[in-house]
Protein backbone atom coordinates (compact mmCIF):
# COMPACT_ATOMS: atom_id res chain seq x y z
CA MET A 1 53.66 191.80 -80.79
CA LYS A 2 51.13 193.27 -78.47
CA THR A 3 48.07 190.94 -77.83
CA PRO A 4 44.86 192.76 -78.71
CA ALA A 5 42.69 193.40 -75.61
CA PRO A 6 39.45 191.35 -75.52
CA PRO A 7 36.30 193.29 -76.39
CA SER A 8 34.15 194.51 -73.49
CA ARG A 9 30.92 192.74 -72.67
CA SER A 10 28.87 195.61 -74.12
CA LEU A 11 30.61 195.12 -77.42
CA GLU A 12 30.20 191.41 -77.37
CA ALA A 13 26.42 191.89 -76.85
CA LEU A 14 26.23 194.38 -79.77
CA ARG A 15 27.98 191.84 -82.11
CA GLU A 16 25.16 189.39 -81.30
CA LEU A 17 22.65 191.82 -82.59
CA THR A 18 24.20 192.88 -85.89
CA PRO A 19 26.52 191.48 -88.61
CA ALA A 20 28.14 194.94 -88.87
CA ARG A 21 31.83 195.19 -87.97
CA VAL A 22 31.96 196.76 -84.52
CA GLY A 23 34.73 196.64 -82.01
CA LEU A 24 37.19 194.75 -84.09
CA GLY A 25 40.11 195.85 -81.97
CA ARG A 26 43.57 196.57 -83.19
CA SER A 27 47.10 195.08 -83.39
CA GLY A 28 49.49 197.89 -83.25
CA ALA A 29 48.23 200.31 -86.01
CA SER A 30 46.22 197.71 -87.84
CA LEU A 31 43.35 195.27 -87.60
CA PRO A 32 43.84 191.95 -85.86
CA THR A 33 44.58 189.19 -88.37
CA ASP A 34 41.29 187.46 -87.96
CA ALA A 35 39.28 190.65 -88.56
CA LEU A 36 41.39 191.50 -91.68
CA LEU A 37 40.94 187.90 -93.14
CA ALA A 38 37.16 188.02 -92.46
CA PHE A 39 36.89 191.38 -94.20
CA THR A 40 38.85 190.04 -97.22
CA LEU A 41 36.71 186.92 -97.52
CA ASP A 42 33.42 188.99 -97.34
CA HIS A 43 34.79 191.41 -99.90
CA ALA A 44 35.64 188.46 -102.32
CA ARG A 45 32.10 186.95 -101.82
CA ALA A 46 30.63 190.30 -102.62
CA ARG A 47 32.61 190.56 -105.88
CA ASP A 48 31.78 186.91 -106.75
CA ALA A 49 28.06 187.66 -106.24
CA VAL A 50 28.19 190.46 -108.93
CA HIS A 51 29.87 188.27 -111.53
CA THR A 52 27.97 185.03 -110.89
CA ALA A 53 26.00 183.88 -114.02
CA LEU A 54 22.18 184.01 -113.75
CA ASP A 55 21.01 180.31 -113.77
CA ALA A 56 17.97 180.99 -116.07
CA PRO A 57 17.27 177.22 -116.67
CA HIS A 58 17.11 176.65 -112.99
CA LEU A 59 14.77 179.56 -112.43
CA ILE A 60 12.48 178.75 -115.34
CA ALA A 61 12.17 175.04 -114.10
CA GLY A 62 11.38 176.14 -110.67
CA LEU A 63 8.83 178.72 -111.68
CA ALA A 64 7.21 176.31 -114.11
CA GLY A 65 7.05 173.81 -111.15
CA LEU A 66 4.72 176.32 -109.45
CA GLY A 67 2.38 176.32 -112.38
CA LEU A 68 3.57 179.58 -113.80
CA GLN A 69 4.04 180.49 -117.45
CA VAL A 70 7.52 181.81 -117.93
CA SER A 71 9.32 183.65 -120.69
CA GLU A 72 12.97 184.60 -121.00
CA VAL A 73 14.34 188.00 -122.16
CA SER A 74 17.60 189.87 -122.34
CA SER A 75 18.46 193.54 -122.03
CA GLN A 76 20.69 195.26 -124.53
CA ALA A 77 23.69 194.72 -122.31
CA GLN A 78 25.33 191.93 -124.28
CA SER A 79 27.90 191.08 -121.51
CA ARG A 80 28.49 191.52 -117.74
CA ARG A 81 31.17 194.10 -118.71
CA ASP A 82 28.59 196.11 -120.73
CA TYR A 83 26.08 195.67 -117.93
CA LEU A 84 28.34 197.18 -115.27
CA ARG A 85 29.66 200.05 -117.40
CA ARG A 86 26.52 201.06 -119.19
CA PRO A 87 23.47 201.02 -116.78
CA ASP A 88 21.28 202.43 -119.47
CA LEU A 89 21.66 199.24 -121.62
CA GLY A 90 20.23 197.33 -118.70
CA ARG A 91 16.96 199.42 -118.90
CA MET A 92 16.10 198.47 -122.46
CA LEU A 93 15.03 195.22 -124.05
CA ASP A 94 17.08 193.89 -126.86
CA ARG A 95 15.16 193.81 -130.11
CA ASP A 96 14.32 190.09 -130.27
CA SER A 97 13.13 190.02 -126.66
CA ARG A 98 10.84 192.95 -127.27
CA ARG A 99 9.39 191.24 -130.38
CA ALA A 100 8.88 187.99 -128.50
CA LEU A 101 7.01 189.83 -125.69
CA GLU A 102 4.89 191.76 -128.16
CA GLN A 103 3.68 188.43 -129.63
CA GLN A 104 2.42 187.49 -126.15
CA SER A 105 0.62 190.86 -125.36
CA GLY A 106 -2.79 189.93 -126.88
CA CYS A 107 -4.59 190.11 -123.60
CA ALA A 108 -3.52 192.70 -120.93
CA SER A 109 -2.38 191.30 -117.56
CA GLU A 110 -3.25 192.63 -114.27
CA LEU A 111 0.11 191.72 -112.73
CA VAL A 112 3.46 190.75 -114.34
CA ILE A 113 6.43 189.38 -112.18
CA VAL A 114 9.86 190.04 -113.68
CA ILE A 115 12.90 188.26 -112.21
CA GLY A 116 16.13 189.98 -112.99
CA ASP A 117 19.71 189.24 -112.17
CA GLY A 118 20.55 192.87 -111.20
CA LEU A 119 23.84 193.43 -109.30
CA SER A 120 23.63 190.00 -107.52
CA PRO A 121 22.65 187.08 -109.74
CA ALA A 122 23.66 184.91 -106.85
CA ALA A 123 20.78 186.20 -104.78
CA VAL A 124 18.37 185.56 -107.62
CA ASN A 125 19.63 182.05 -108.13
CA VAL A 126 19.17 181.22 -104.38
CA HIS A 127 16.01 183.25 -103.38
CA ALA A 128 13.71 184.07 -106.38
CA VAL A 129 11.93 180.67 -106.77
CA GLU A 130 11.29 180.32 -103.00
CA LEU A 131 10.04 183.79 -102.67
CA ALA A 132 7.71 183.27 -105.61
CA ARG A 133 6.58 179.99 -103.88
CA HIS A 134 5.43 182.08 -100.90
CA LEU A 135 4.18 185.09 -102.85
CA VAL A 136 1.91 183.55 -105.47
CA PRO A 137 -0.46 181.87 -103.00
CA ARG A 138 -0.82 185.29 -101.17
CA LEU A 139 -1.59 187.01 -104.40
CA THR A 140 -4.24 184.39 -105.31
CA GLU A 141 -5.88 184.87 -101.86
CA ALA A 142 -6.06 188.48 -102.62
CA GLY A 143 -7.87 187.78 -105.85
CA LEU A 144 -4.94 188.83 -107.95
CA GLN A 145 -3.80 186.77 -110.99
CA VAL A 146 -0.33 186.58 -112.22
CA GLY A 147 -0.44 186.98 -115.93
CA HIS A 148 3.23 186.56 -116.94
CA VAL A 149 6.47 185.70 -115.33
CA VAL A 150 9.54 186.89 -117.10
CA VAL A 151 13.20 186.02 -116.41
CA ALA A 152 15.41 188.79 -117.61
CA SER A 153 19.24 188.72 -117.94
CA GLY A 154 21.35 191.90 -117.75
CA ALA A 155 18.51 193.64 -115.98
CA ARG A 156 18.27 196.91 -114.15
CA VAL A 157 15.15 197.78 -112.16
CA ALA A 158 13.64 199.94 -114.94
CA LEU A 159 13.68 197.06 -117.35
CA GLY A 160 10.51 195.88 -115.57
CA ASP A 161 8.78 199.16 -116.83
CA GLU A 162 9.28 198.25 -120.48
CA ILE A 163 8.33 194.64 -119.98
CA GLY A 164 5.14 195.71 -118.07
CA ALA A 165 4.28 198.28 -120.69
CA VAL A 166 4.74 195.75 -123.60
CA LEU A 167 2.49 193.18 -121.84
CA GLY A 168 -0.09 195.81 -120.86
CA ALA A 169 0.29 195.07 -117.17
CA ARG A 170 -1.38 197.21 -114.57
CA MET A 171 1.38 196.42 -112.02
CA VAL A 172 4.76 195.02 -112.42
CA VAL A 173 6.75 193.41 -109.63
CA MET A 174 10.53 193.11 -110.27
CA LEU A 175 12.45 190.73 -108.04
CA ILE A 176 16.13 191.50 -108.47
CA GLY A 177 19.47 190.98 -106.93
CA GLU A 178 20.63 193.93 -104.89
CA ARG A 179 23.97 195.54 -104.73
CA PRO A 180 26.09 193.12 -102.57
CA GLY A 181 27.28 194.20 -99.15
CA LEU A 182 30.04 192.81 -96.94
CA SER A 183 27.53 191.23 -94.66
CA ALA A 184 24.95 190.22 -97.41
CA PRO A 185 26.23 189.35 -100.84
CA ASP A 186 22.95 187.49 -101.71
CA SER A 187 20.18 189.99 -100.84
CA LEU A 188 17.14 190.14 -103.05
CA GLY A 189 14.99 193.16 -103.51
CA ALA A 190 11.32 193.61 -104.85
CA TYR A 191 10.30 196.79 -106.74
CA LEU A 192 6.61 197.45 -107.46
CA THR A 193 5.29 199.87 -110.14
CA PHE A 194 1.83 200.71 -110.97
CA ALA A 195 0.96 201.53 -114.60
CA PRO A 196 4.54 200.77 -115.74
CA ARG A 197 5.93 202.65 -118.76
CA ILE A 198 9.41 203.71 -120.18
CA GLY A 199 10.69 206.77 -118.42
CA LEU A 200 9.46 206.33 -114.92
CA THR A 201 11.83 207.07 -112.00
CA ASP A 202 12.22 205.64 -108.53
CA GLU A 203 9.69 207.84 -106.74
CA LYS A 204 7.07 205.83 -108.64
CA ARG A 205 8.09 202.60 -107.06
CA ASN A 206 7.77 200.86 -103.72
CA CYS A 207 10.73 198.64 -102.67
CA VAL A 208 10.94 195.72 -100.29
CA SER A 209 14.59 194.94 -99.77
CA ASN A 210 17.04 192.99 -97.62
CA ILE A 211 15.44 189.50 -98.50
CA HIS A 212 17.91 186.84 -97.59
CA GLY A 213 18.77 184.32 -94.93
CA ALA A 214 19.78 186.81 -92.17
CA GLY A 215 17.31 189.48 -93.41
CA LEU A 216 13.63 189.51 -94.27
CA SER A 217 12.24 185.97 -94.54
CA TYR A 218 10.32 184.80 -97.59
CA GLU A 219 7.03 184.70 -95.58
CA GLU A 220 7.49 188.29 -94.29
CA ALA A 221 8.52 189.63 -97.78
CA ALA A 222 5.69 187.86 -99.52
CA PHE A 223 3.15 189.33 -96.99
CA LYS A 224 4.54 192.95 -97.66
CA ILE A 225 4.71 192.50 -101.41
CA ALA A 226 1.19 191.00 -101.62
CA TRP A 227 -0.15 193.92 -99.36
CA LEU A 228 1.52 196.53 -101.61
CA VAL A 229 0.41 195.02 -104.72
CA ARG A 230 -3.22 194.81 -103.54
CA GLU A 231 -3.32 198.30 -102.25
CA GLY A 232 -1.35 199.73 -105.19
CA ILE A 233 -3.92 198.26 -107.69
CA ALA A 234 -6.88 199.36 -105.60
CA ARG A 235 -5.59 202.87 -105.06
CA GLN A 236 -3.94 203.07 -108.55
CA ILE A 237 -0.69 204.30 -107.15
CA THR A 238 2.72 203.18 -106.01
CA GLY A 239 5.90 204.98 -104.90
CA VAL A 240 6.00 207.94 -102.46
CA ALA A 241 2.19 208.10 -102.61
CA LEU A 242 1.82 204.56 -101.15
CA LYS A 243 3.00 203.99 -97.65
CA ASP A 244 3.78 200.57 -96.50
CA GLU A 245 1.17 199.91 -93.84
CA SER A 246 1.40 196.24 -94.05
CA GLY A 247 2.67 195.97 -90.47
CA THR A 248 -0.63 197.52 -89.16
CA ALA A 249 -2.52 194.89 -91.25
CA LEU A 250 -0.39 192.08 -89.79
CA ILE A 251 -0.99 193.17 -86.16
CA ALA A 252 -4.80 193.46 -86.98
CA ALA A 253 -4.75 189.89 -88.45
CA ARG A 254 -3.12 188.35 -85.40
CA PRO A 255 -5.65 186.60 -83.05
CA ILE A 256 -5.90 188.04 -79.49
CA ASP A 257 -4.96 185.64 -76.67
């Protein structure tokens, strides 16, 4: 068997900058065994992330430890199979969950945070509480009060619209597991929607994505989300009408040496 040629120095340097699969080489007409095994392992991790169970008790305990009042709801997707085959069911609350939220809607909230399992419950189990730990103080500093925190199972992004509408929120922040990739099976995303209501589409939302160990840090993500929440409420917009200029704000806030 012909031994694969070693990669050039330029490819080695590129590999240090990205988790993408570049310059894998070949063995005959196939990939080298190491590259094939690594691909197979990452594919298995991505599949496992989709089917991991949402650890709602862990999330609720962690969020309560931050002094937040937490509710638990479910979508109309009664199983993971239903969730994957019927995306529409993941966008609607089941009857009992809606009734329970309606009983809490006596006073409108400025901001509601929804934590949904999405396509990677593994990401939510690992990152959601820690992101909230960094986010809530930044929201408080900006004069924003978190009215409700809702943990939602079987959730698609649009489920946050119904939850926010039922609770009378001016803004909803949905923290949700993103579609797993081969380099990031546990990536968390944050979707922000001003004046949430059923029937909104994605151009009405802002998204902060790629929150995981090798991506956006909790501190960076919390800064961006808090900026977007503050500006979205002040300008009464989110989505394509609200550009993320948090980077400019961060540069302006840094002291000059």
